[in-house]
């Protein structure tokens, strides 16, 4: 989520996973990002 706490943002920066961001509490955008992750062949999605 675009408004996530700084600790989440920093934790993600330490990770090598591909990063996707969705507009705050926007479920349509979240679905679009999930589709993008699938299209990129993501093994696991969190």
ModelCIF file with pLDDT and N, C-alpha, C, O atoms, coordinates in Angstrom:
data_MODEL
#
_entry.id   MODEL 
#
_entity.id                         1 
_entity.type                       polymer 
_entity.pdbx_number_of_molecules   1 
#
_entity_poly.entity_id                      1 
_entity_poly.type                           'polypeptide(L)' 
_entity_poly.nstd_linkage                   no 
_entity_poly.nstd_monomer                   no 
_entity_poly.pdbx_seq_one_letter_code       
;(UNK)(UNK)(UNK)(UNK)(UNK)(UNK)(UNK)(UNK)(UNK)(UNK)(UNK)(UNK)(UNK)(UNK)(UNK)(UNK)
(UNK)(UNK)(UNK)(UNK)(UNK)(UNK)(UNK)(UNK)(UNK)(UNK)(UNK)(UNK)(UNK)(UNK)(UNK)(UNK)
(UNK)(UNK)(UNK)(UNK)(UNK)(UNK)(UNK)(UNK)(UNK)(UNK)(UNK)(UNK)(UNK)(UNK)
;
_entity_poly.pdbx_seq_one_letter_code_can   XXXXXXXXXXXXXXXXXXXXXXXXXXXXXXXXXXXXXXXXXXXXXX 
_entity_poly.pdbx_strand_id                 A 
#
loop_
_entity_poly_seq.entity_id 
_entity_poly_seq.num 
_entity_poly_seq.mon_id 
_entity_poly_seq.hetero 
1 1  UNK n 
1 2  UNK n 
1 3  UNK n 
1 4  UNK n 
1 5  UNK n 
1 6  UNK n 
1 7  UNK n 
1 8  UNK n 
1 9  UNK n 
1 10 UNK n 
1 11 UNK n 
1 12 UNK n 
1 13 UNK n 
1 14 UNK n 
1 15 UNK n 
1 16 UNK n 
1 17 UNK n 
1 18 UNK n 
1 19 UNK n 
1 20 UNK n 
1 21 UNK n 
1 22 UNK n 
1 23 UNK n 
1 24 UNK n 
1 25 UNK n 
1 26 UNK n 
1 27 UNK n 
1 28 UNK n 
1 29 UNK n 
1 30 UNK n 
1 31 UNK n 
1 32 UNK n 
1 33 UNK n 
1 34 UNK n 
1 35 UNK n 
1 36 UNK n 
1 37 UNK n 
1 38 UNK n 
1 39 UNK n 
1 40 UNK n 
1 41 UNK n 
1 42 UNK n 
1 43 UNK n 
1 44 UNK n 
1 45 UNK n 
1 46 UNK n 
#
_struct_asym.id          A 
_struct_asym.entity_id   1 
#
loop_
_ma_qa_metric.id 
_ma_qa_metric.mode 
_ma_qa_metric.name 
_ma_qa_metric.software_group_id 
_ma_qa_metric.type 
1 global pLDDT . pLDDT 
2 local  pLDDT . pLDDT 
#
_ma_qa_metric_global.metric_id      1 
_ma_qa_metric_global.metric_value   97.46 
_ma_qa_metric_global.model_id       1 
_ma_qa_metric_global.ordinal_id     1 
#
loop_
_ma_qa_metric_local.label_asym_id 
_ma_qa_metric_local.label_comp_id 
_ma_qa_metric_local.label_seq_id 
_ma_qa_metric_local.metric_id 
_ma_qa_metric_local.metric_value 
_ma_qa_metric_local.model_id 
_ma_qa_metric_local.ordinal_id 
A UNK 1  2 98.00 1 1  
A UNK 2  2 97.00 1 2  
A UNK 3  2 95.00 1 3  
A UNK 4  2 97.00 1 4  
A UNK 5  2 96.00 1 5  
A UNK 6  2 94.00 1 6  
A UNK 7  2 96.00 1 7  
A UNK 8  2 97.00 1 8  
A UNK 9  2 96.00 1 9  
A UNK 10 2 97.00 1 10 
A UNK 11 2 97.00 1 11 
A UNK 12 2 98.00 1 12 
A UNK 13 2 97.00 1 13 
A UNK 14 2 97.00 1 14 
A UNK 15 2 97.00 1 15 
A UNK 16 2 97.00 1 16 
A UNK 17 2 98.00 1 17 
A UNK 18 2 98.00 1 18 
A UNK 19 2 98.00 1 19 
A UNK 20 2 98.00 1 20 
A UNK 21 2 98.00 1 21 
A UNK 22 2 98.00 1 22 
A UNK 23 2 98.00 1 23 
A UNK 24 2 97.00 1 24 
A UNK 25 2 97.00 1 25 
A UNK 26 2 98.00 1 26 
A UNK 27 2 98.00 1 27 
A UNK 28 2 98.00 1 28 
A UNK 29 2 98.00 1 29 
A UNK 30 2 98.00 1 30 
A UNK 31 2 98.00 1 31 
A UNK 32 2 98.00 1 32 
A UNK 33 2 98.00 1 33 
A UNK 34 2 98.00 1 34 
A UNK 35 2 98.00 1 35 
A UNK 36 2 98.00 1 36 
A UNK 37 2 98.00 1 37 
A UNK 38 2 98.00 1 38 
A UNK 39 2 98.00 1 39 
A UNK 40 2 98.00 1 40 
A UNK 41 2 97.00 1 41 
A UNK 42 2 98.00 1 42 
A UNK 43 2 98.00 1 43 
A UNK 44 2 98.00 1 44 
A UNK 45 2 98.00 1 45 
A UNK 46 2 98.00 1 46 
#
loop_
_atom_site.group_PDB 
_atom_site.id 
_atom_site.type_symbol 
_atom_site.label_atom_id 
_atom_site.label_alt_id 
_atom_site.label_comp_id 
_atom_site.label_asym_id 
_atom_site.label_entity_id 
_atom_site.label_seq_id 
_atom_site.pdbx_PDB_ins_code 
_atom_site.Cartn_x 
_atom_site.Cartn_y 
_atom_site.Cartn_z 
_atom_site.occupancy 
_atom_site.B_iso_or_equiv 
_atom_site.pdbx_formal_charge 
_atom_site.auth_seq_id 
_atom_site.auth_comp_id 
_atom_site.auth_asym_id 
_atom_site.auth_atom_id 
_atom_site.pdbx_PDB_model_num 
ATOM 1   N N  . UNK A 1 1  ? 0.837  -1.197  0.000   1.00 98.00 ? 1  UNK A N  1 
ATOM 2   C CA . UNK A 1 1  ? 0.000  0.000   0.000   1.00 98.00 ? 1  UNK A CA 1 
ATOM 3   C C  . UNK A 1 1  ? 0.874  1.250   0.000   1.00 98.00 ? 1  UNK A C  1 
ATOM 4   O O  . UNK A 1 1  ? 1.910  1.292   0.663   1.00 98.00 ? 1  UNK A O  1 
ATOM 5   N N  . UNK A 1 2  ? 0.450  2.265   -0.745  1.00 97.00 ? 2  UNK A N  1 
ATOM 6   C CA . UNK A 1 2  ? 1.250  3.482   -0.912  1.00 97.00 ? 2  UNK A CA 1 
ATOM 7   C C  . UNK A 1 2  ? 1.468  4.235   0.397   1.00 97.00 ? 2  UNK A C  1 
ATOM 8   O O  . UNK A 1 2  ? 2.437  4.985   0.510   1.00 97.00 ? 2  UNK A O  1 
ATOM 9   N N  . UNK A 1 3  ? 0.597  4.057   1.388   1.00 95.00 ? 3  UNK A N  1 
ATOM 10  C CA . UNK A 1 3  ? 0.743  4.782   2.649   1.00 95.00 ? 3  UNK A CA 1 
ATOM 11  C C  . UNK A 1 3  ? 1.307  3.917   3.768   1.00 95.00 ? 3  UNK A C  1 
ATOM 12  O O  . UNK A 1 3  ? 1.169  4.257   4.943   1.00 95.00 ? 3  UNK A O  1 
ATOM 13  N N  . UNK A 1 4  ? 1.937  2.811   3.418   1.00 97.00 ? 4  UNK A N  1 
ATOM 14  C CA . UNK A 1 4  ? 2.488  1.945   4.447   1.00 97.00 ? 4  UNK A CA 1 
ATOM 15  C C  . UNK A 1 4  ? 3.558  2.648   5.282   1.00 97.00 ? 4  UNK A C  1 
ATOM 16  O O  . UNK A 1 4  ? 4.208  3.590   4.831   1.00 97.00 ? 4  UNK A O  1 
ATOM 17  N N  . UNK A 1 5  ? 3.716  2.161   6.507   1.00 96.00 ? 5  UNK A N  1 
ATOM 18  C CA . UNK A 1 5  ? 4.664  2.736   7.456   1.00 96.00 ? 5  UNK A CA 1 
ATOM 19  C C  . UNK A 1 5  ? 6.101  2.620   6.941   1.00 96.00 ? 5  UNK A C  1 
ATOM 20  O O  . UNK A 1 5  ? 6.428  1.737   6.149   1.00 96.00 ? 5  UNK A O  1 
ATOM 21  N N  . UNK A 1 6  ? 6.943  3.533   7.413   1.00 94.00 ? 6  UNK A N  1 
ATOM 22  C CA . UNK A 1 6  ? 8.346  3.553   6.984   1.00 94.00 ? 6  UNK A CA 1 
ATOM 23  C C  . UNK A 1 6  ? 9.046  2.235   7.259   1.00 94.00 ? 6  UNK A C  1 
ATOM 24  O O  . UNK A 1 6  ? 9.942  1.855   6.505   1.00 94.00 ? 6  UNK A O  1 
ATOM 25  N N  . UNK A 1 7  ? 8.671  1.527   8.309   1.00 96.00 ? 7  UNK A N  1 
ATOM 26  C CA . UNK A 1 7  ? 9.329  0.260   8.630   1.00 96.00 ? 7  UNK A CA 1 
ATOM 27  C C  . UNK A 1 7  ? 9.035  -0.798  7.572   1.00 96.00 ? 7  UNK A C  1 
ATOM 28  O O  . UNK A 1 7  ? 9.898  -1.618  7.260   1.00 96.00 ? 7  UNK A O  1 
ATOM 29  N N  . UNK A 1 8  ? 7.822  -0.787  7.018   1.00 97.00 ? 8  UNK A N  1 
ATOM 30  C CA . UNK A 1 8  ? 7.513  -1.699  5.913   1.00 97.00 ? 8  UNK A CA 1 
ATOM 31  C C  . UNK A 1 8  ? 8.329  -1.315  4.683   1.00 97.00 ? 8  UNK A C  1 
ATOM 32  O O  . UNK A 1 8  ? 8.911  -2.171  4.018   1.00 97.00 ? 8  UNK A O  1 
ATOM 33  N N  . UNK A 1 9  ? 8.362  -0.024  4.393   1.00 96.00 ? 9  UNK A N  1 
ATOM 34  C CA . UNK A 1 9  ? 9.119  0.452   3.222   1.00 96.00 ? 9  UNK A CA 1 
ATOM 35  C C  . UNK A 1 9  ? 10.583 0.058   3.334   1.00 96.00 ? 9  UNK A C  1 
ATOM 36  O O  . UNK A 1 9  ? 11.167 -0.443  2.373   1.00 96.00 ? 9  UNK A O  1 
ATOM 37  N N  . UNK A 1 10 ? 11.181 0.281   4.507   1.00 97.00 ? 10 UNK A N  1 
ATOM 38  C CA . UNK A 1 10 ? 12.590 -0.064  4.683   1.00 97.00 ? 10 UNK A CA 1 
ATOM 39  C C  . UNK A 1 10 ? 12.804 -1.572  4.640   1.00 97.00 ? 10 UNK A C  1 
ATOM 40  O O  . UNK A 1 10 ? 13.806 -2.042  4.100   1.00 97.00 ? 10 UNK A O  1 
ATOM 41  N N  . UNK A 1 11 ? 11.865 -2.336  5.209   1.00 97.00 ? 11 UNK A N  1 
ATOM 42  C CA . UNK A 1 11 ? 11.985 -3.787  5.151   1.00 97.00 ? 11 UNK A CA 1 
ATOM 43  C C  . UNK A 1 11 ? 11.941 -4.297  3.727   1.00 97.00 ? 11 UNK A C  1 
ATOM 44  O O  . UNK A 1 11 ? 12.687 -5.207  3.365   1.00 97.00 ? 11 UNK A O  1 
ATOM 45  N N  . UNK A 1 12 ? 11.072 -3.716  2.920   1.00 98.00 ? 12 UNK A N  1 
ATOM 46  C CA . UNK A 1 12 ? 10.978 -4.119  1.512   1.00 98.00 ? 12 UNK A CA 1 
ATOM 47  C C  . UNK A 1 12 ? 12.265 -3.775  0.765   1.00 98.00 ? 12 UNK A C  1 
ATOM 48  O O  . UNK A 1 12 ? 12.707 -4.537  -0.095  1.00 98.00 ? 12 UNK A O  1 
ATOM 49  N N  . UNK A 1 13 ? 12.863 -2.638  1.089   1.00 97.00 ? 13 UNK A N  1 
ATOM 50  C CA . UNK A 1 13 ? 14.112 -2.248  0.425   1.00 97.00 ? 13 UNK A CA 1 
ATOM 51  C C  . UNK A 1 13 ? 15.223 -3.266  0.641   1.00 97.00 ? 13 UNK A C  1 
ATOM 52  O O  . UNK A 1 13 ? 16.098 -3.418  -0.212  1.00 97.00 ? 13 UNK A O  1 
ATOM 53  N N  . UNK A 1 14 ? 15.198 -3.960  1.766   1.00 97.00 ? 14 UNK A N  1 
ATOM 54  C CA . UNK A 1 14 ? 16.228 -4.956  2.061   1.00 97.00 ? 14 UNK A CA 1 
ATOM 55  C C  . UNK A 1 14 ? 16.008 -6.256  1.308   1.00 97.00 ? 14 UNK A C  1 
ATOM 56  O O  . UNK A 1 14 ? 16.890 -7.114  1.269   1.00 97.00 ? 14 UNK A O  1 
ATOM 57  N N  . UNK A 1 15 ? 14.840 -6.402  0.714   1.00 97.00 ? 15 UNK A N  1 
ATOM 58  C CA . UNK A 1 15 ? 14.444 -7.649  0.063   1.00 97.00 ? 15 UNK A CA 1 
ATOM 59  C C  . UNK A 1 15 ? 14.680 -7.549  -1.447  1.00 97.00 ? 15 UNK A C  1 
ATOM 60  O O  . UNK A 1 15 ? 14.549 -6.474  -2.031  1.00 97.00 ? 15 UNK A O  1 
ATOM 61  N N  . UNK A 1 16 ? 15.025 -8.662  -2.065  1.00 97.00 ? 16 UNK A N  1 
ATOM 62  C CA . UNK A 1 16 ? 15.285 -8.680  -3.506  1.00 97.00 ? 16 UNK A CA 1 
ATOM 63  C C  . UNK A 1 16 ? 14.039 -8.929  -4.344  1.00 97.00 ? 16 UNK A C  1 
ATOM 64  O O  . UNK A 1 16 ? 14.107 -8.939  -5.573  1.00 97.00 ? 16 UNK A O  1 
ATOM 65  N N  . UNK A 1 17 ? 12.899 -9.130  -3.686  1.00 98.00 ? 17 UNK A N  1 
ATOM 66  C CA . UNK A 1 17 ? 11.664 -9.389  -4.424  1.00 98.00 ? 17 UNK A CA 1 
ATOM 67  C C  . UNK A 1 17 ? 11.283 -8.190  -5.282  1.00 98.00 ? 17 UNK A C  1 
ATOM 68  O O  . UNK A 1 17 ? 11.665 -7.057  -4.986  1.00 98.00 ? 17 UNK A O  1 
ATOM 69  N N  . UNK A 1 18 ? 10.531 -8.445  -6.344  1.00 98.00 ? 18 UNK A N  1 
ATOM 70  C CA . UNK A 1 18 ? 10.017 -7.378  -7.185  1.00 98.00 ? 18 UNK A CA 1 
ATOM 71  C C  . UNK A 1 18 ? 8.980  -6.570  -6.398  1.00 98.00 ? 18 UNK A C  1 
ATOM 72  O O  . UNK A 1 18 ? 8.215  -7.132  -5.615  1.00 98.00 ? 18 UNK A O  1 
ATOM 73  N N  . UNK A 1 19 ? 8.960  -5.263  -6.608  1.00 98.00 ? 19 UNK A N  1 
ATOM 74  C CA . UNK A 1 19 ? 8.132  -4.377  -5.802  1.00 98.00 ? 19 UNK A CA 1 
ATOM 75  C C  . UNK A 1 19 ? 7.014  -3.763  -6.635  1.00 98.00 ? 19 UNK A C  1 
ATOM 76  O O  . UNK A 1 19 ? 7.231  -3.254  -7.735  1.00 98.00 ? 19 UNK A O  1 
ATOM 77  N N  . UNK A 1 20 ? 5.829  -3.830  -6.080  1.00 98.00 ? 20 UNK A N  1 
ATOM 78  C CA . UNK A 1 20 ? 4.657  -3.219  -6.692  1.00 98.00 ? 20 UNK A CA 1 
ATOM 79  C C  . UNK A 1 20 ? 3.956  -2.390  -5.622  1.00 98.00 ? 20 UNK A C  1 
ATOM 80  O O  . UNK A 1 20 ? 3.903  -2.778  -4.455  1.00 98.00 ? 20 UNK A O  1 
ATOM 81  N N  . UNK A 1 21 ? 3.422  -1.253  -6.031  1.00 98.00 ? 21 UNK A N  1 
ATOM 82  C CA . UNK A 1 21 ? 2.748  -0.378  -5.074  1.00 98.00 ? 21 UNK A CA 1 
ATOM 83  C C  . UNK A 1 21 ? 1.354  -0.045  -5.581  1.00 98.00 ? 21 UNK A C  1 
ATOM 84  O O  . UNK A 1 21 ? 1.178  0.267   -6.758  1.00 98.00 ? 21 UNK A O  1 
ATOM 85  N N  . UNK A 1 22 ? 0.356  -0.111  -4.692  1.00 98.00 ? 22 UNK A N  1 
ATOM 86  C CA . UNK A 1 22 ? -1.001 0.252   -5.076  1.00 98.00 ? 22 UNK A CA 1 
ATOM 87  C C  . UNK A 1 22 ? -1.472 1.454   -4.275  1.00 98.00 ? 22 UNK A C  1 
ATOM 88  O O  . UNK A 1 22 ? -1.055 1.649   -3.134  1.00 98.00 ? 22 UNK A O  1 
ATOM 89  N N  . UNK A 1 23 ? -2.339 2.259   -4.872  1.00 98.00 ? 23 UNK A N  1 
ATOM 90  C CA . UNK A 1 23 ? -2.851 3.459   -4.223  1.00 98.00 ? 23 UNK A CA 1 
ATOM 91  C C  . UNK A 1 23 ? -3.570 3.085   -2.934  1.00 98.00 ? 23 UNK A C  1 
ATOM 92  O O  . UNK A 1 23 ? -4.169 2.016   -2.822  1.00 98.00 ? 23 UNK A O  1 
ATOM 93  N N  . UNK A 1 24 ? -3.494 3.987   -1.970  1.00 97.00 ? 24 UNK A N  1 
ATOM 94  C CA . UNK A 1 24 ? -3.995 3.687   -0.629  1.00 97.00 ? 24 UNK A CA 1 
ATOM 95  C C  . UNK A 1 24 ? -5.425 3.175   -0.646  1.00 97.00 ? 24 UNK A C  1 
ATOM 96  O O  . UNK A 1 24 ? -6.343 3.847   -1.116  1.00 97.00 ? 24 UNK A O  1 
ATOM 97  N N  . UNK A 1 25 ? -5.591 1.960   -0.119  1.00 97.00 ? 25 UNK A N  1 
ATOM 98  C CA . UNK A 1 25 ? -6.905 1.338   0.054   1.00 97.00 ? 25 UNK A CA 1 
ATOM 99  C C  . UNK A 1 25 ? -7.689 1.230   -1.256  1.00 97.00 ? 25 UNK A C  1 
ATOM 100 O O  . UNK A 1 25 ? -8.917 1.143   -1.238  1.00 97.00 ? 25 UNK A O  1 
ATOM 101 N N  . UNK A 1 26 ? -6.993 1.235   -2.375  1.00 98.00 ? 26 UNK A N  1 
ATOM 102 C CA . UNK A 1 26 ? -7.628 1.176   -3.691  1.00 98.00 ? 26 UNK A CA 1 
ATOM 103 C C  . UNK A 1 26 ? -7.592 -0.270  -4.191  1.00 98.00 ? 26 UNK A C  1 
ATOM 104 O O  . UNK A 1 26 ? -6.559 -0.746  -4.662  1.00 98.00 ? 26 UNK A O  1 
ATOM 105 N N  . UNK A 1 27 ? -8.718 -0.954  -4.086  1.00 98.00 ? 27 UNK A N  1 
ATOM 106 C CA . UNK A 1 27 ? -8.751 -2.373  -4.415  1.00 98.00 ? 27 UNK A CA 1 
ATOM 107 C C  . UNK A 1 27 ? -8.623 -2.624  -5.918  1.00 98.00 ? 27 UNK A C  1 
ATOM 108 O O  . UNK A 1 27 ? -8.106 -3.661  -6.334  1.00 98.00 ? 27 UNK A O  1 
ATOM 109 N N  . UNK A 1 28 ? -9.090 -1.686  -6.721  1.00 98.00 ? 28 UNK A N  1 
ATOM 110 C CA . UNK A 1 28 ? -8.944 -1.842  -8.171  1.00 98.00 ? 28 UNK A CA 1 
ATOM 111 C C  . UNK A 1 28 ? -7.469 -1.788  -8.561  1.00 98.00 ? 28 UNK A C  1 
ATOM 112 O O  . UNK A 1 28 ? -7.009 -2.565  -9.398  1.00 98.00 ? 28 UNK A O  1 
ATOM 113 N N  . UNK A 1 29 ? -6.736 -0.861  -7.943  1.00 98.00 ? 29 UNK A N  1 
ATOM 114 C CA . UNK A 1 29 ? -5.309 -0.760  -8.229  1.00 98.00 ? 29 UNK A CA 1 
ATOM 115 C C  . UNK A 1 29 ? -4.561 -1.962  -7.667  1.00 98.00 ? 29 UNK A C  1 
ATOM 116 O O  . UNK A 1 29 ? -3.622 -2.456  -8.292  1.00 98.00 ? 29 UNK A O  1 
ATOM 117 N N  . UNK A 1 30 ? -4.969 -2.435  -6.492  1.00 98.00 ? 30 UNK A N  1 
ATOM 118 C CA . UNK A 1 30 ? -4.337 -3.635  -5.940  1.00 98.00 ? 30 UNK A CA 1 
ATOM 119 C C  . UNK A 1 30 ? -4.495 -4.815  -6.904  1.00 98.00 ? 30 UNK A C  1 
ATOM 120 O O  . UNK A 1 30 ? -3.542 -5.559  -7.135  1.00 98.00 ? 30 UNK A O  1 
ATOM 121 N N  . UNK A 1 31 ? -5.684 -4.986  -7.461  1.00 98.00 ? 31 UNK A N  1 
ATOM 122 C CA . UNK A 1 31 ? -5.895 -6.088  -8.399  1.00 98.00 ? 31 UNK A CA 1 
ATOM 123 C C  . UNK A 1 31 ? -5.014 -5.917  -9.636  1.00 98.00 ? 31 UNK A C  1 
ATOM 124 O O  . UNK A 1 31 ? -4.478 -6.894  -10.159 1.00 98.00 ? 31 UNK A O  1 
ATOM 125 N N  . UNK A 1 32 ? -4.867 -4.681  -10.100 1.00 98.00 ? 32 UNK A N  1 
ATOM 126 C CA . UNK A 1 32 ? -4.020 -4.441  -11.262 1.00 98.00 ? 32 UNK A CA 1 
ATOM 127 C C  . UNK A 1 32 ? -2.566 -4.814  -10.970 1.00 98.00 ? 32 UNK A C  1 
ATOM 128 O O  . UNK A 1 32 ? -1.877 -5.358  -11.833 1.00 98.00 ? 32 UNK A O  1 
ATOM 129 N N  . UNK A 1 33 ? -2.099 -4.521  -9.749  1.00 98.00 ? 33 UNK A N  1 
ATOM 130 C CA . UNK A 1 33 ? -0.718 -4.855  -9.391  1.00 98.00 ? 33 UNK A CA 1 
ATOM 131 C C  . UNK A 1 33 ? -0.538 -6.363  -9.236  1.00 98.00 ? 33 UNK A C  1 
ATOM 132 O O  . UNK A 1 33 ? 0.515  -6.900  -9.578  1.00 98.00 ? 33 UNK A O  1 
ATOM 133 N N  . UNK A 1 34 ? -1.555 -7.044  -8.724  1.00 98.00 ? 34 UNK A N  1 
ATOM 134 C CA . UNK A 1 34 ? -1.499 -8.504  -8.648  1.00 98.00 ? 34 UNK A CA 1 
ATOM 135 C C  . UNK A 1 34 ? -1.426 -9.115  -10.043 1.00 98.00 ? 34 UNK A C  1 
ATOM 136 O O  . UNK A 1 34 ? -0.693 -10.077 -10.273 1.00 98.00 ? 34 UNK A O  1 
ATOM 137 N N  . UNK A 1 35 ? -2.183 -8.553  -10.956 1.00 98.00 ? 35 UNK A N  1 
ATOM 138 C CA . UNK A 1 35 ? -2.136 -9.036  -12.341 1.00 98.00 ? 35 UNK A CA 1 
ATOM 139 C C  . UNK A 1 35 ? -0.756 -8.800  -12.948 1.00 98.00 ? 35 UNK A C  1 
ATOM 140 O O  . UNK A 1 35 ? -0.241 -9.643  -13.682 1.00 98.00 ? 35 UNK A O  1 
ATOM 141 N N  . UNK A 1 36 ? -0.159 -7.646  -12.636 1.00 98.00 ? 36 UNK A N  1 
ATOM 142 C CA . UNK A 1 36 ? 1.179  -7.357  -13.153 1.00 98.00 ? 36 UNK A CA 1 
ATOM 143 C C  . UNK A 1 36 ? 2.206  -8.337  -12.603 1.00 98.00 ? 36 UNK A C  1 
ATOM 144 O O  . UNK A 1 36 ? 3.090  -8.795  -13.326 1.00 98.00 ? 36 UNK A O  1 
ATOM 145 N N  . UNK A 1 37 ? 2.084  -8.650  -11.328 1.00 98.00 ? 37 UNK A N  1 
ATOM 146 C CA . UNK A 1 37 ? 3.013  -9.603  -10.714 1.00 98.00 ? 37 UNK A CA 1 
ATOM 147 C C  . UNK A 1 37 ? 2.863  -10.987 -11.347 1.00 98.00 ? 37 UNK A C  1 
ATOM 148 O O  . UNK A 1 37 ? 3.851  -11.681 -11.588 1.00 98.00 ? 37 UNK A O  1 
ATOM 149 N N  . UNK A 1 38 ? 1.629  -11.372 -11.610 1.00 98.00 ? 38 UNK A N  1 
ATOM 150 C CA . UNK A 1 38 ? 1.408  -12.651 -12.282 1.00 98.00 ? 38 UNK A CA 1 
ATOM 151 C C  . UNK A 1 38 ? 1.999  -12.640 -13.692 1.00 98.00 ? 38 UNK A C  1 
ATOM 152 O O  . UNK A 1 38 ? 2.628  -13.607 -14.122 1.00 98.00 ? 38 UNK A O  1 
ATOM 153 N N  . UNK A 1 39 ? 1.788  -11.537 -14.399 1.00 98.00 ? 39 UNK A N  1 
ATOM 154 C CA . UNK A 1 39 ? 2.314  -11.438 -15.761 1.00 98.00 ? 39 UNK A CA 1 
ATOM 155 C C  . UNK A 1 39 ? 3.837  -11.514 -15.783 1.00 98.00 ? 39 UNK A C  1 
ATOM 156 O O  . UNK A 1 39 ? 4.430  -11.991 -16.751 1.00 98.00 ? 39 UNK A O  1 
ATOM 157 N N  . UNK A 1 40 ? 4.468  -11.036 -14.699 1.00 98.00 ? 40 UNK A N  1 
ATOM 158 C CA . UNK A 1 40 ? 5.923  -11.079 -14.620 1.00 98.00 ? 40 UNK A CA 1 
ATOM 159 C C  . UNK A 1 40 ? 6.432  -12.439 -14.144 1.00 98.00 ? 40 UNK A C  1 
ATOM 160 O O  . UNK A 1 40 ? 7.640  -12.659 -14.047 1.00 98.00 ? 40 UNK A O  1 
ATOM 161 N N  . UNK A 1 41 ? 5.498  -13.350 -13.848 1.00 97.00 ? 41 UNK A N  1 
ATOM 162 C CA . UNK A 1 41 ? 5.893  -14.703 -13.470 1.00 97.00 ? 41 UNK A CA 1 
ATOM 163 C C  . UNK A 1 41 ? 6.313  -14.873 -12.032 1.00 97.00 ? 41 UNK A C  1 
ATOM 164 O O  . UNK A 1 41 ? 7.130  -15.741 -11.726 1.00 97.00 ? 41 UNK A O  1 
ATOM 165 N N  . UNK A 1 42 ? 5.768  -14.058 -11.135 1.00 98.00 ? 42 UNK A N  1 
ATOM 166 C CA . UNK A 1 42 ? 6.150  -14.150 -9.731  1.00 98.00 ? 42 UNK A CA 1 
ATOM 167 C C  . UNK A 1 42 ? 5.850  -15.526 -9.162  1.00 98.00 ? 42 UNK A C  1 
ATOM 168 O O  . UNK A 1 42 ? 4.780  -16.088 -9.395  1.00 98.00 ? 42 UNK A O  1 
ATOM 169 N N  . UNK A 1 43 ? 6.803  -16.060 -8.418  1.00 98.00 ? 43 UNK A N  1 
ATOM 170 C CA . UNK A 1 43 ? 6.621  -17.360 -7.767  1.00 98.00 ? 43 UNK A CA 1 
ATOM 171 C C  . UNK A 1 43 ? 5.631  -17.244 -6.605  1.00 98.00 ? 43 UNK A C  1 
ATOM 172 O O  . UNK A 1 43 ? 4.605  -17.923 -6.588  1.00 98.00 ? 43 UNK A O  1 
ATOM 173 N N  . UNK A 1 44 ? 5.946  -16.381 -5.639  1.00 98.00 ? 44 UNK A N  1 
ATOM 174 C CA . UNK A 1 44 ? 5.062  -16.091 -4.512  1.00 98.00 ? 44 UNK A CA 1 
ATOM 175 C C  . UNK A 1 44 ? 4.734  -14.609 -4.512  1.00 98.00 ? 44 UNK A C  1 
ATOM 176 O O  . UNK A 1 44 ? 5.571  -13.781 -4.871  1.00 98.00 ? 44 UNK A O  1 
ATOM 177 N N  . UNK A 1 45 ? 3.524  -14.277 -4.113  1.00 98.00 ? 45 UNK A N  1 
ATOM 178 C CA . UNK A 1 45 ? 3.093  -12.883 -4.014  1.00 98.00 ? 45 UNK A CA 1 
ATOM 179 C C  . UNK A 1 45 ? 2.662  -12.614 -2.571  1.00 98.00 ? 45 UNK A C  1 
ATOM 180 O O  . UNK A 1 45 ? 1.935  -13.405 -1.970  1.00 98.00 ? 45 UNK A O  1 
ATOM 181 N N  . UNK A 1 46 ? 3.125  -11.481 -2.022  1.00 98.00 ? 46 UNK A N  1 
ATOM 182 C CA . UNK A 1 46 ? 2.755  -11.079 -0.666  1.00 98.00 ? 46 UNK A CA 1 
ATOM 183 C C  . UNK A 1 46 ? 2.161  -9.679  -0.710  1.00 98.00 ? 46 UNK A C  1 
ATOM 184 O O  . UNK A 1 46 ? 1.778  -9.138  0.327   1.00 98.00 ? 46 UNK A O  1 
#
